[in-house]
Amino acid sequence: MSLEEDFRKLFGKRRPGYERTPNRPRLLGSAGMTKIPYGGDKPKDNVCLDTYALLHFNDKGQPSISSARAIEGLFEVETGRQVRVFLDPSAVICEDSDVKRFSDYIWYKLQLKNNHEAVLMGTGLPGDLNFDPVVWWVVLDVLDIRHTSGDVMQINPKRIGVDTLKDVVYKILKTKPLNAKAFFTTIPIKEDLLTADRDEYKKAVKQIFDFVCTYVNESSKYNRYTWLALYAAYQQTNSLVVEDRNFTKLKNLVYAAEKYAGKQIPKDGEMVYTWKTPTKPFIYASVENWSLEAKKAYWGLPADNFKLYESRWKFADDLVCGASLIKDYALQNAGVAADEELDTGNVANMKYGDHFIHSFDYEETGAKQYFNQDVTFYYRNKYDEDGNERGEDKNIPFVTLSDKGVTRLWSVDIFPDSAIIDLRFDPKTSTFIPSHPLSTDLIPDELNGLSGLSLKDENENLYSIALTDGGFLLHSAAAGRTWKIEHGDYGLPDKK
């Protein structure tokens, strides 16, 4: 650290004298102003501020400098957003300063868009899936299911590389616009929030869950008890042939087919079962009315009243627990590696888009086909009366499952945002005007039209700014002090 920087930290407003031009940098101020000298705490007509000219508060709520032209490091209470407050309307940040545009925290803007009915077209898997394993259909989760990942948290691997799930995994049958208002989270999220503050973590998850539940619920035909098990997927064939064996997965599928058909397969010795689709690929799955234990599904916390996997809660838990991963994924979608590379041209792509919250139709009448073609189920005895093995020509058709199983989808765009929002006092309207460094669409509505501010710091110390004749009243609850700040002066004399 240079001697000049040491002096700035020690004495705040006291600064080295002017350098001779042309060596002294000259930077543009706010719109409509001419070039002005560097240094926000030099003469009052100089509005360019560096990090040392911004007012901070310490752990006890005491101010760092004696000027309140701009206040740094506080959070607006209602929205939870980190803000930078400009009491001096003409003040600007120096272009070459190290003042941060982005916070260490993450907030989400969530936009529920449409309610779809669909059948499944594909799996999102690049290769074949043999009959023996059961793969839970988790392509719709933001993060992988915990117990399948080896405890390595990651963006769901089936999601990566699929630009859009529409027309790749789903054939959309019907779409209904939700016209849902955008939702902004209010809890500042960090990667270690679960360990740092369990209560705040749960509050962050629950507010997302509650928002989703206002649109995705039983009245909108959401079924939280259904789960799709993918039994087989083959890209280069249109059939699945399985010999009768004593294991549960096969027995369940045969039983479901019998229940759907309303009759039983005549069994006489060893059997061979065949499922066949008109064309390849062959994909077969079954929806079941039970689910995973919550502790095996979530990376963070299960809901108090949901002991089984619940996709709406998993969605919310993933967003909070995996915020850093999701932020990195969204930045990649925008073609950048860090917040600082975002601009007005690429910020719209900085999202986790075309994400779906799902449920499946389920009836007690047995199997349904959820993919985009019929499946015909055949059976045959493996051997004839003479003990000779029978071929496919001896298959007996038992039942055809049409693609009547509907998948219900609620689409949502996820915008992870870390921008520090400026709140600049406007003397004409006597309100604080919010300004986002990238997009006005990422400003919570609650920040518009504020004539006074309720603020807090990272230690939960409370502050307030109220309008008064000729200026503002700035109050620090922790310090027990109130300062009367005058327009044009912005000094911090204690209120008398």
Foldseek 3Di string as FASTA:
>chain_A
DDPQVVCCQVPLLDHDDDDDPPVFDWADFDPPDDTAGDDCSDDLVGQAHAPSNEWEADPLRHTRDFFHQKHAFWAFQPQQFGAIEGQFQRHDYGPPHPDDQFFLFKKKKKDFWKKFKWFWADQLDPAKDAQPDWDWNPLQFQWFFCQVPVNDIAGPPSVPPDPACDPPTIDTDDMDTPPDDIDMFNQGAHQCCCVVPVVSLVVQLVVQLVSVCVRAHVVVPFDQQKIKIWRIKHAQFFKDKDKDDPDDVVVQQQVLLCLLLVHHDDDDAIKMKMKGWPDDDHTFIWMDRHAAAPVRGAPHDDDPPDRGDGQSSSNSRCCRNVVVNQQQVLCVQLVDRDPVPDAQVRLVSSKPFNRKRKHKDDDPSGGARRHDTKMWMWMDHQADPVRHGDDPVRTDTDDIHGNPIIMIITTMIMHIGGGHWYFYQDPVLLGTDIDTRHDPVPDDPVRPPHNKGWIAHPSRWIWIWHDDVQGIWIDTPSNRFIFGAGHSGRGGDTDD
